[in-house]
């Protein structure tokens, strides 16, 4: 019996007390509270970067369309003209995009206007950004 008691005492010594577990949980909670906002901030920046890169890719595709047709798609034709041949366009050599027109990183459709409402631009290609307002729009640079 003496050996069995010593084994039980050792097992108790190897475990954690409730106080120790609570301290660890509090420390983990504090770390998560500090680190989580930084992670979400980085995620927001990554989406903005993806939107800018997607707009740059669209610019290249729209330039190919313009080389074939002689002009950019109209606002009425929209970005769908890159996927399916618009009515009344004879030199269309597409599809210029596979599948359907992609949405921005927030799930919104890209905003396309041709001619542009901005001076010195041939067209506007914008993402609404994280919020549905013009203050956060991300637009083409050329």
C-alpha atoms as a PDB file:
ATOM      1  CA  UNK A   1       0.000   0.000   0.000  1.00  0.00           C
ATOM      2  CA  UNK A   2       2.835   2.387   0.591  1.00  0.00           C
ATOM      3  CA  UNK A   3       3.848   2.326  -3.057  1.00  0.00           C
ATOM      4  CA  UNK A   4       0.297   2.935  -4.217  1.00  0.00           C
ATOM      5  CA  UNK A   5      -0.038   6.029  -1.988  1.00  0.00           C
ATOM      6  CA  UNK A   6       3.225   7.426  -3.351  1.00  0.00           C
ATOM      7  CA  UNK A   7       1.966   6.909  -6.932  1.00  0.00           C
ATOM      8  CA  UNK A   8      -1.264   8.774  -6.110  1.00  0.00           C
ATOM      9  CA  UNK A   9       0.690  11.654  -4.541  1.00  0.00           C
ATOM     10  CA  UNK A  10       2.901  11.909  -7.611  1.00  0.00           C
ATOM     11  CA  UNK A  11      -0.159  11.960  -9.898  1.00  0.00           C
ATOM     12  CA  UNK A  12      -1.639  14.836  -7.863  1.00  0.00           C
ATOM     13  CA  UNK A  13       1.640  16.753  -8.003  1.00  0.00           C
ATOM     14  CA  UNK A  14       1.836  16.387 -11.790  1.00  0.00           C
ATOM     15  CA  UNK A  15      -1.642  17.914 -12.411  1.00  0.00           C
ATOM     16  CA  UNK A  16      -2.648  21.588 -12.584  1.00  0.00           C
ATOM     17  CA  UNK A  17      -4.680  23.426  -9.985  1.00  0.00           C
ATOM     18  CA  UNK A  18      -7.797  25.362 -10.870  1.00  0.00           C
ATOM     19  CA  UNK A  19      -6.012  28.620 -10.106  1.00  0.00           C
ATOM     20  CA  UNK A  20      -3.183  27.785 -12.524  1.00  0.00           C
ATOM     21  CA  UNK A  21      -5.686  26.983 -15.285  1.00  0.00           C
ATOM     22  CA  UNK A  22      -7.548  30.255 -14.685  1.00  0.00           C
ATOM     23  CA  UNK A  23      -4.311  32.258 -14.880  1.00  0.00           C
ATOM     24  CA  UNK A  24      -3.421  30.619 -18.200  1.00  0.00           C
ATOM     25  CA  UNK A  25      -6.920  31.296 -19.591  1.00  0.00           C
ATOM     26  CA  UNK A  26      -6.719  34.977 -18.559  1.00  0.00           C
ATOM     27  CA  UNK A  27      -3.281  35.354 -20.179  1.00  0.00           C
ATOM     28  CA  UNK A  28      -4.521  33.738 -23.404  1.00  0.00           C
ATOM     29  CA  UNK A  29      -7.560  36.022 -23.401  1.00  0.00           C
ATOM     30  CA  UNK A  30      -5.353  39.102 -23.053  1.00  0.00           C
ATOM     31  CA  UNK A  31      -3.075  37.970 -25.865  1.00  0.00           C
ATOM     32  CA  UNK A  32      -6.036  37.322 -28.170  1.00  0.00           C
ATOM     33  CA  UNK A  33      -7.484  40.723 -27.291  1.00  0.00           C
ATOM     34  CA  UNK A  34      -4.244  42.423 -28.283  1.00  0.00           C
ATOM     35  CA  UNK A  35      -3.358  40.361 -31.378  1.00  0.00           C
ATOM     36  CA  UNK A  36      -6.822  39.919 -32.974  1.00  0.00           C
ATOM     37  CA  UNK A  37      -7.366  43.602 -33.912  1.00  0.00           C
ATOM     38  CA  UNK A  38      -3.956  43.702 -35.619  1.00  0.00           C
ATOM     39  CA  UNK A  39      -4.807  40.592 -37.626  1.00  0.00           C
ATOM     40  CA  UNK A  40      -8.163  42.017 -38.762  1.00  0.00           C
ATOM     41  CA  UNK A  41      -6.469  45.284 -39.735  1.00  0.00           C
ATOM     42  CA  UNK A  42      -3.990  43.349 -41.920  1.00  0.00           C
ATOM     43  CA  UNK A  43      -6.866  41.413 -43.497  1.00  0.00           C
ATOM     44  CA  UNK A  44      -8.537  44.695 -44.453  1.00  0.00           C
ATOM     45  CA  UNK A  45      -5.330  45.951 -46.062  1.00  0.00           C
ATOM     46  CA  UNK A  46      -4.948  42.684 -47.975  1.00  0.00           C
ATOM     47  CA  UNK A  47      -8.437  43.052 -49.487  1.00  0.00           C
ATOM     48  CA  UNK A  48      -7.646  46.589 -50.644  1.00  0.00           C
ATOM     49  CA  UNK A  49      -4.462  45.283 -52.273  1.00  0.00           C
ATOM     50  CA  UNK A  50      -6.367  42.478 -54.021  1.00  0.00           C
ATOM     51  CA  UNK A  51      -8.934  44.992 -55.314  1.00  0.00           C
ATOM     52  CA  UNK A  52      -6.177  47.211 -56.744  1.00  0.00           C
ATOM     53  CA  UNK A  53      -4.525  44.230 -58.443  1.00  0.00           C
ATOM     54  CA  UNK A  54      -7.837  43.048 -59.886  1.00  0.00           C
ATOM     55  CA  UNK A  55      -8.549  46.493 -61.297  1.00  0.00           C
ATOM     56  CA  UNK A  56      -5.080  46.522 -62.891  1.00  0.00           C
ATOM     57  CA  UNK A  57      -5.822  43.133 -64.514  1.00  0.00           C
ATOM     58  CA  UNK A  58      -9.179  44.424 -65.756  1.00  0.00           C
ATOM     59  CA  UNK A  59      -7.350  47.395 -67.309  1.00  0.00           C
ATOM     60  CA  UNK A  60      -5.211  45.002 -69.356  1.00  0.00           C
ATOM     61  CA  UNK A  61      -8.235  43.023 -70.496  1.00  0.00           C
ATOM     62  CA  UNK A  62     -10.142  46.203 -71.369  1.00  0.00           C
ATOM     63  CA  UNK A  63      -7.150  47.380 -73.433  1.00  0.00           C
ATOM     64  CA  UNK A  64      -7.246  44.090 -75.402  1.00  0.00           C
ATOM     65  CA  UNK A  65     -10.951  44.618 -76.004  1.00  0.00           C
ATOM     66  CA  UNK A  66     -10.245  48.159 -77.225  1.00  0.00           C
ATOM     67  CA  UNK A  67      -7.547  46.905 -79.613  1.00  0.00           C
ATOM     68  CA  UNK A  68     -10.057  44.497 -81.204  1.00  0.00           C
ATOM     69  CA  UNK A  69     -13.158  46.687 -81.252  1.00  0.00           C
ATOM     70  CA  UNK A  70     -11.684  50.196 -81.422  1.00  0.00           C
ATOM     71  CA  UNK A  71     -13.330  51.448 -78.234  1.00  0.00           C
ATOM     72  CA  UNK A  72     -14.009  50.392 -74.670  1.00  0.00           C
ATOM     73  CA  UNK A  73     -17.350  48.763 -73.854  1.00  0.00           C
ATOM     74  CA  UNK A  74     -20.099  51.284 -73.143  1.00  0.00           C
ATOM     75  CA  UNK A  75     -21.586  51.641 -69.682  1.00  0.00           C
ATOM     76  CA  UNK A  76     -24.689  49.799 -70.914  1.00  0.00           C
ATOM     77  CA  UNK A  77     -22.568  46.883 -72.213  1.00  0.00           C
ATOM     78  CA  UNK A  78     -20.560  46.887 -68.995  1.00  0.00           C
ATOM     79  CA  UNK A  79     -17.941  44.343 -68.069  1.00  0.00           C
ATOM     80  CA  UNK A  80     -20.229  41.600 -69.419  1.00  0.00           C
ATOM     81  CA  UNK A  81     -18.881  42.559 -72.860  1.00  0.00           C
ATOM     82  CA  UNK A  82     -15.627  40.873 -71.822  1.00  0.00           C
ATOM     83  CA  UNK A  83     -17.415  37.540 -71.328  1.00  0.00           C
ATOM     84  CA  UNK A  84     -20.156  37.506 -73.982  1.00  0.00           C
ATOM     85  CA  UNK A  85     -20.351  39.259 -77.349  1.00  0.00           C
ATOM     86  CA  UNK A  86     -22.419  42.426 -77.088  1.00  0.00           C
ATOM     87  CA  UNK A  87     -25.130  43.149 -79.638  1.00  0.00           C
ATOM     88  CA  UNK A  88     -23.912  45.148 -82.628  1.00  0.00           C
ATOM     89  CA  UNK A  89     -20.170  44.522 -82.117  1.00  0.00           C
ATOM     90  CA  UNK A  90     -18.610  42.864 -85.177  1.00  0.00           C
ATOM     91  CA  UNK A  91     -14.885  42.533 -84.384  1.00  0.00           C
ATOM     92  CA  UNK A  92     -15.392  40.928 -80.959  1.00  0.00           C
ATOM     93  CA  UNK A  93     -12.673  38.304 -80.479  1.00  0.00           C
ATOM     94  CA  UNK A  94     -13.519  37.039 -76.995  1.00  0.00           C
ATOM     95  CA  UNK A  95     -14.250  35.893 -74.507  1.00  0.00           C
ATOM     96  CA  UNK A  96     -11.665  38.089 -72.845  1.00  0.00           C
ATOM     97  CA  UNK A  97     -12.463  36.649 -69.415  1.00  0.00           C
ATOM     98  CA  UNK A  98     -13.267  33.030 -68.567  1.00  0.00           C
ATOM     99  CA  UNK A  99     -16.497  32.256 -66.768  1.00  0.00           C
ATOM    100  CA  UNK A 100     -18.358  35.227 -65.368  1.00  0.00           C
ATOM    101  CA  UNK A 101     -17.273  38.713 -64.376  1.00  0.00           C
ATOM    102  CA  UNK A 102     -15.638  38.474 -60.935  1.00  0.00           C
ATOM    103  CA  UNK A 103     -16.754  40.532 -57.957  1.00  0.00           C
ATOM    104  CA  UNK A 104     -14.500  42.610 -55.724  1.00  0.00           C
ATOM    105  CA  UNK A 105     -12.997  41.140 -52.504  1.00  0.00           C
ATOM    106  CA  UNK A 106     -16.061  42.296 -50.524  1.00  0.00           C
ATOM    107  CA  UNK A 107     -18.484  40.537 -52.873  1.00  0.00           C
ATOM    108  CA  UNK A 108     -19.714  43.687 -54.667  1.00  0.00           C
ATOM    109  CA  UNK A 109     -19.785  43.963 -58.452  1.00  0.00           C
ATOM    110  CA  UNK A 110     -17.186  46.326 -59.895  1.00  0.00           C
ATOM    111  CA  UNK A 111     -18.525  49.686 -61.055  1.00  0.00           C
ATOM    112  CA  UNK A 112     -17.810  50.371 -64.730  1.00  0.00           C
ATOM    113  CA  UNK A 113     -18.559  53.619 -66.578  1.00  0.00           C
ATOM    114  CA  UNK A 114     -17.526  54.511 -70.116  1.00  0.00           C
ATOM    115  CA  UNK A 115     -16.986  57.307 -70.844  1.00  0.00           C
ATOM    116  CA  UNK A 116     -15.475  58.286 -67.537  1.00  0.00           C
ATOM    117  CA  UNK A 117     -16.917  60.957 -65.267  1.00  0.00           C
ATOM    118  CA  UNK A 118     -13.344  61.814 -64.221  1.00  0.00           C
ATOM    119  CA  UNK A 119     -11.325  64.160 -66.450  1.00  0.00           C
ATOM    120  CA  UNK A 120      -8.549  62.570 -68.570  1.00  0.00           C
ATOM    121  CA  UNK A 121      -9.830  59.002 -68.105  1.00  0.00           C
ATOM    122  CA  UNK A 122     -11.311  56.804 -70.837  1.00  0.00           C
ATOM    123  CA  UNK A 123     -13.433  54.826 -68.378  1.00  0.00           C
ATOM    124  CA  UNK A 124     -14.007  54.351 -64.675  1.00  0.00           C
ATOM    125  CA  UNK A 125     -13.496  50.971 -63.089  1.00  0.00           C
ATOM    126  CA  UNK A 126     -14.056  51.056 -59.350  1.00  0.00           C
ATOM    127  CA  UNK A 127     -14.671  48.893 -56.307  1.00  0.00           C
ATOM    128  CA  UNK A 128     -16.922  50.232 -53.558  1.00  0.00           C
ATOM    129  CA  UNK A 129     -14.324  49.104 -51.037  1.00  0.00           C
ATOM    130  CA  UNK A 130     -15.234  47.831 -47.593  1.00  0.00           C
ATOM    131  CA  UNK A 131     -18.175  50.241 -47.257  1.00  0.00           C
ATOM    132  CA  UNK A 132     -20.876  51.251 -49.697  1.00  0.00           C
ATOM    133  CA  UNK A 133     -19.757  54.854 -50.129  1.00  0.00           C
ATOM    134  CA  UNK A 134     -17.793  56.868 -52.643  1.00  0.00           C
ATOM    135  CA  UNK A 135     -15.307  57.856 -49.911  1.00  0.00           C
ATOM    136  CA  UNK A 136     -13.836  54.346 -49.892  1.00  0.00           C
ATOM    137  CA  UNK A 137     -13.929  53.706 -53.656  1.00  0.00           C
ATOM    138  CA  UNK A 138     -10.851  52.143 -55.207  1.00  0.00           C
ATOM    139  CA  UNK A 139     -10.604  53.150 -58.882  1.00  0.00           C
ATOM    140  CA  UNK A 140      -8.387  52.643 -61.924  1.00  0.00           C
ATOM    141  CA  UNK A 141      -5.407  54.953 -62.328  1.00  0.00           C
ATOM    142  CA  UNK A 142      -5.311  55.194 -66.114  1.00  0.00           C
END
